[in-house]
Amino acid sequence: MARAPTRRELLQLGGVAAVAWGAAQFFQRAAPLGRDVSGNLTAQALLLDRESPRLDNPAADLTVVIFTDYQCPACKLSAPALAAAVRRDGRIRLIFKDWPILGPVSATAARVAVAANRQGIYPALHARLMQERRSLDDAVLQDAVEAAGGNWQRLLADLAAHRTAIDQRIARTGADAMALGIDGTPAFVIGTMLIIGGRDEDGFLDAFAEARAVR
């Protein structure tokens, strides 16, 4: 079994990602916001997905689909920016797609998150895991589930009873990412646009505005 990264390794990786994040913002602002995927059948299906974990909003007029990995430093950096932009906008529906591309630890965290959706705590757990800087071992995952209002023993039972369905869902997410030409996390389908890589709060707000303008 692959070794989980140590806290020092995660902090070092996070530091490198933070530097890269800051440097990337200038170039992202100068580049087009995203790629048009209005003619992509996979993108259209994702926007209509009713089975994946979601944060719904009765006032929503725009859907954002998020491809993410709980060990991805750029995902952790962009998550609070997206959350802030969603709050400021007030008309966004989020659909979450767990795509664990960084090894066995990521895969376990993704399974736990998908299983947690059966308890209705996925959005809260997602937020906590994106804030988590410790290695995502079982003890840390249990802490996160319980802090999000979930029952760990029930989650373990759901993981065992529904493992095939959970693994199939995660595999389907990987296939969808490939169909969209996504080569890493984070990535976002925002209306008819595909954005690969993180954004700051204003960058997400700009993307929301552009997605609405081209509908």
Protein backbone atom coordinates (compact mmCIF):
# COMPACT_ATOMS: atom_id res chain seq x y z
CA MET A 1 0.00 0.00 0.00
CA ALA A 2 1.30 3.45 -0.88
CA ARG A 3 2.59 5.56 2.02
CA ALA A 4 0.48 8.54 3.00
CA PRO A 5 2.35 11.85 2.67
CA THR A 6 3.70 13.24 5.94
CA ARG A 7 2.55 16.57 7.36
CA ARG A 8 5.90 18.13 6.40
CA GLU A 9 5.55 16.87 2.83
CA LEU A 10 2.00 18.24 2.59
CA LEU A 11 3.11 21.62 3.96
CA GLN A 12 6.01 21.73 1.50
CA LEU A 13 3.72 20.80 -1.36
CA GLY A 14 1.23 23.40 -0.22
CA GLY A 15 3.96 26.05 -0.11
CA VAL A 16 5.05 25.29 -3.64
CA ALA A 17 1.44 25.33 -4.79
CA ALA A 18 0.85 28.68 -3.08
CA VAL A 19 3.77 30.26 -4.93
CA ALA A 20 2.58 28.78 -8.22
CA TRP A 21 -0.97 29.93 -7.46
CA GLY A 22 0.11 33.53 -6.94
CA ALA A 23 2.22 33.57 -10.09
CA ALA A 24 -0.59 32.01 -12.11
CA GLN A 25 -3.18 34.63 -11.25
CA PHE A 26 -1.65 37.27 -13.53
CA PHE A 27 -1.56 34.91 -16.49
CA GLN A 28 -5.09 33.65 -15.82
CA ARG A 29 -6.43 37.20 -15.86
CA ALA A 30 -4.77 37.81 -19.23
CA ALA A 31 -6.00 34.55 -20.75
CA PRO A 32 -9.53 33.62 -21.85
CA LEU A 33 -11.64 32.59 -18.88
CA GLY A 34 -12.54 29.17 -20.21
CA ARG A 35 -13.28 26.89 -23.13
CA ASP A 36 -16.73 26.63 -24.68
CA VAL A 37 -18.21 23.17 -24.05
CA SER A 38 -21.79 23.96 -25.05
CA GLY A 39 -21.61 21.30 -27.77
CA ASN A 40 -20.09 18.64 -25.53
CA LEU A 41 -22.62 15.96 -24.58
CA THR A 42 -20.72 15.07 -21.42
CA ALA A 43 -20.80 18.67 -20.21
CA GLN A 44 -24.52 18.90 -20.93
CA ALA A 45 -25.18 15.70 -18.97
CA LEU A 46 -23.10 16.89 -16.01
CA LEU A 47 -25.15 20.06 -15.69
CA LEU A 48 -28.32 17.96 -15.46
CA ASP A 49 -26.89 15.41 -13.00
CA ARG A 50 -29.30 14.79 -10.11
CA GLU A 51 -27.43 11.87 -8.51
CA SER A 52 -24.06 13.37 -7.54
CA PRO A 53 -23.52 15.28 -4.29
CA ARG A 54 -24.73 18.85 -4.66
CA LEU A 55 -25.36 22.12 -2.88
CA ASP A 56 -28.66 23.27 -4.28
CA ASN A 57 -30.14 26.75 -4.30
CA PRO A 58 -33.79 27.55 -5.12
CA ALA A 59 -32.65 30.86 -6.62
CA ALA A 60 -29.96 29.29 -8.81
CA ASP A 61 -29.78 30.25 -12.46
CA LEU A 62 -26.27 28.86 -13.05
CA THR A 63 -24.76 25.44 -12.32
CA VAL A 64 -21.11 24.86 -11.46
CA VAL A 65 -19.69 21.32 -11.61
CA ILE A 66 -16.48 20.85 -9.59
CA PHE A 67 -13.82 18.19 -10.26
CA THR A 68 -11.62 17.92 -7.20
CA ASP A 69 -9.16 15.83 -5.17
CA TYR A 70 -8.84 16.23 -1.40
CA GLN A 71 -5.03 16.08 -1.53
CA CYS A 72 -4.75 18.62 -4.35
CA PRO A 73 -3.10 21.83 -3.03
CA ALA A 74 -4.60 23.97 -5.79
CA CYS A 75 -8.04 22.58 -4.93
CA LYS A 76 -7.56 23.54 -1.31
CA LEU A 77 -6.46 27.04 -2.31
CA SER A 78 -9.36 27.62 -4.69
CA ALA A 79 -12.10 26.11 -2.48
CA PRO A 80 -12.51 29.12 -0.13
CA ALA A 81 -12.37 31.49 -3.10
CA LEU A 82 -15.16 29.57 -4.83
CA ALA A 83 -17.22 29.44 -1.64
CA ALA A 84 -16.87 33.20 -1.18
CA ALA A 85 -17.82 33.85 -4.80
CA VAL A 86 -20.86 31.58 -4.50
CA ARG A 87 -22.00 33.46 -1.40
CA ARG A 88 -21.54 36.86 -3.07
CA ASP A 89 -23.33 35.77 -6.22
CA GLY A 90 -26.28 34.10 -4.49
CA ARG A 91 -27.58 32.29 -7.58
CA ILE A 92 -25.22 29.32 -7.98
CA ARG A 93 -25.93 25.59 -7.74
CA LEU A 94 -22.89 23.36 -7.07
CA ILE A 95 -22.43 19.75 -8.20
CA PHE A 96 -19.43 17.90 -6.77
CA LYS A 97 -17.35 15.35 -8.67
CA ASP A 98 -14.71 13.49 -6.66
CA TRP A 99 -11.78 12.63 -8.91
CA PRO A 100 -8.99 11.14 -6.75
CA ILE A 101 -5.95 11.32 -9.00
CA LEU A 102 -3.25 11.60 -6.31
CA GLY A 103 -3.13 8.02 -5.10
CA PRO A 104 -4.69 5.68 -2.54
CA VAL A 105 -5.13 8.31 0.19
CA SER A 106 -7.09 10.49 -2.22
CA ALA A 107 -9.17 7.49 -3.30
CA THR A 108 -10.09 6.63 0.30
CA ALA A 109 -11.05 10.23 1.05
CA ALA A 110 -13.19 10.36 -2.09
CA ARG A 111 -15.01 7.15 -1.14
CA VAL A 112 -15.69 8.53 2.34
CA ALA A 113 -17.05 11.77 0.88
CA VAL A 114 -19.32 9.99 -1.59
CA ALA A 115 -20.57 7.65 1.13
CA ALA A 116 -21.23 10.64 3.39
CA ASN A 117 -23.73 11.94 0.87
CA ARG A 118 -26.09 9.19 2.10
CA GLN A 119 -26.21 11.05 5.41
CA GLY A 120 -26.80 14.41 3.74
CA ILE A 121 -23.52 15.90 4.99
CA TYR A 122 -21.48 15.98 1.80
CA PRO A 123 -21.22 19.81 1.40
CA ALA A 124 -20.15 20.26 5.03
CA LEU A 125 -17.66 17.39 4.83
CA HIS A 126 -16.27 18.65 1.52
CA ALA A 127 -15.61 22.06 3.07
CA ARG A 128 -13.87 20.51 6.08
CA LEU A 129 -11.67 18.23 3.98
CA MET A 130 -10.66 21.19 1.82
CA GLN A 131 -9.56 23.00 4.98
CA GLU A 132 -7.73 19.97 6.38
CA ARG A 133 -3.93 20.17 6.35
CA ARG A 134 -3.21 16.88 8.11
CA SER A 135 -2.63 13.64 6.27
CA LEU A 136 -6.02 12.10 5.51
CA ASP A 137 -5.74 8.91 7.53
CA ASP A 138 -8.78 7.16 9.00
CA ALA A 139 -8.64 9.12 12.26
CA VAL A 140 -8.62 12.45 10.43
CA LEU A 141 -11.44 11.34 8.13
CA GLN A 142 -13.48 10.24 11.15
CA ASP A 143 -12.90 13.61 12.82
CA ALA A 144 -14.05 15.39 9.67
CA VAL A 145 -17.17 13.25 9.25
CA GLU A 146 -18.23 13.73 12.86
CA ALA A 147 -17.48 17.46 12.78
CA ALA A 148 -19.71 17.69 9.70
CA GLY A 149 -22.54 16.11 11.68
CA GLY A 150 -22.18 12.55 10.41
CA ASN A 151 -22.04 9.14 12.06
CA TRP A 152 -18.74 7.35 11.41
CA GLN A 153 -20.03 3.84 12.09
CA ARG A 154 -22.93 4.34 9.72
CA LEU A 155 -20.52 5.66 7.11
CA LEU A 156 -18.34 2.57 7.43
CA ALA A 157 -21.43 0.40 6.99
CA ASP A 158 -22.43 2.38 3.89
CA LEU A 159 -18.91 2.04 2.48
CA ALA A 160 -19.10 -1.72 2.85
CA ALA A 161 -22.66 -2.10 1.57
CA HIS A 162 -22.33 0.27 -1.39
CA ARG A 163 -18.65 0.00 -2.28
CA THR A 164 -19.27 -1.14 -5.86
CA ALA A 165 -21.69 1.71 -6.56
CA ILE A 166 -19.34 4.23 -4.95
CA ASP A 167 -16.36 3.01 -6.97
CA GLN A 168 -18.43 3.06 -10.15
CA ARG A 169 -19.45 6.66 -9.49
CA ILE A 170 -15.84 7.72 -8.98
CA ALA A 171 -14.76 5.82 -12.11
CA ARG A 172 -17.51 7.54 -14.09
CA THR A 173 -16.19 10.90 -12.91
CA GLY A 174 -12.77 9.98 -14.27
CA ALA A 175 -14.31 9.00 -17.60
CA ASP A 176 -16.24 12.28 -17.73
CA ALA A 177 -13.06 14.23 -17.03
CA MET A 178 -11.28 12.46 -19.87
CA ALA A 179 -14.22 13.15 -22.22
CA LEU A 180 -13.92 16.84 -21.40
CA GLY A 181 -10.15 16.90 -21.89
CA ILE A 182 -9.45 17.65 -18.23
CA ASP A 183 -5.93 16.66 -17.24
CA GLY A 184 -5.89 17.63 -13.56
CA THR A 185 -7.72 19.17 -10.64
CA PRO A 186 -9.34 21.49 -9.90
CA ALA A 187 -11.56 21.90 -12.94
CA PHE A 188 -14.98 23.49 -13.29
CA VAL A 189 -17.84 23.30 -15.75
CA ILE A 190 -19.56 26.66 -15.32
CA GLY A 191 -22.63 26.76 -17.51
CA THR A 192 -21.27 26.31 -21.02
CA MET A 193 -17.64 26.98 -20.05
CA LEU A 194 -14.88 24.63 -18.93
CA ILE A 195 -12.23 26.14 -16.67
CA ILE A 196 -9.17 24.12 -15.72
CA GLY A 197 -7.17 25.31 -12.72
CA GLY A 198 -8.02 27.44 -9.73
CA ARG A 199 -9.23 31.02 -9.58
CA ASP A 200 -9.42 33.68 -6.92
CA GLU A 201 -12.80 35.02 -5.78
CA ASP A 202 -12.99 37.73 -8.41
CA GLY A 203 -11.92 35.26 -11.07
CA PHE A 204 -14.84 32.99 -10.22
CA LEU A 205 -17.25 35.94 -10.23
CA ASP A 206 -15.95 36.94 -13.67
CA ALA A 207 -16.50 33.35 -14.85
CA PHE A 208 -20.08 33.35 -13.52
CA ALA A 209 -20.78 36.60 -15.38
CA GLU A 210 -19.29 35.35 -18.63
CA ALA A 211 -21.16 32.05 -18.42
CA ARG A 212 -24.44 33.90 -18.02
CA ALA A 213 -23.61 36.28 -20.87
CA VAL A 214 -23.09 33.51 -23.42
CA ARG A 215 -26.17 31.41 -22.61
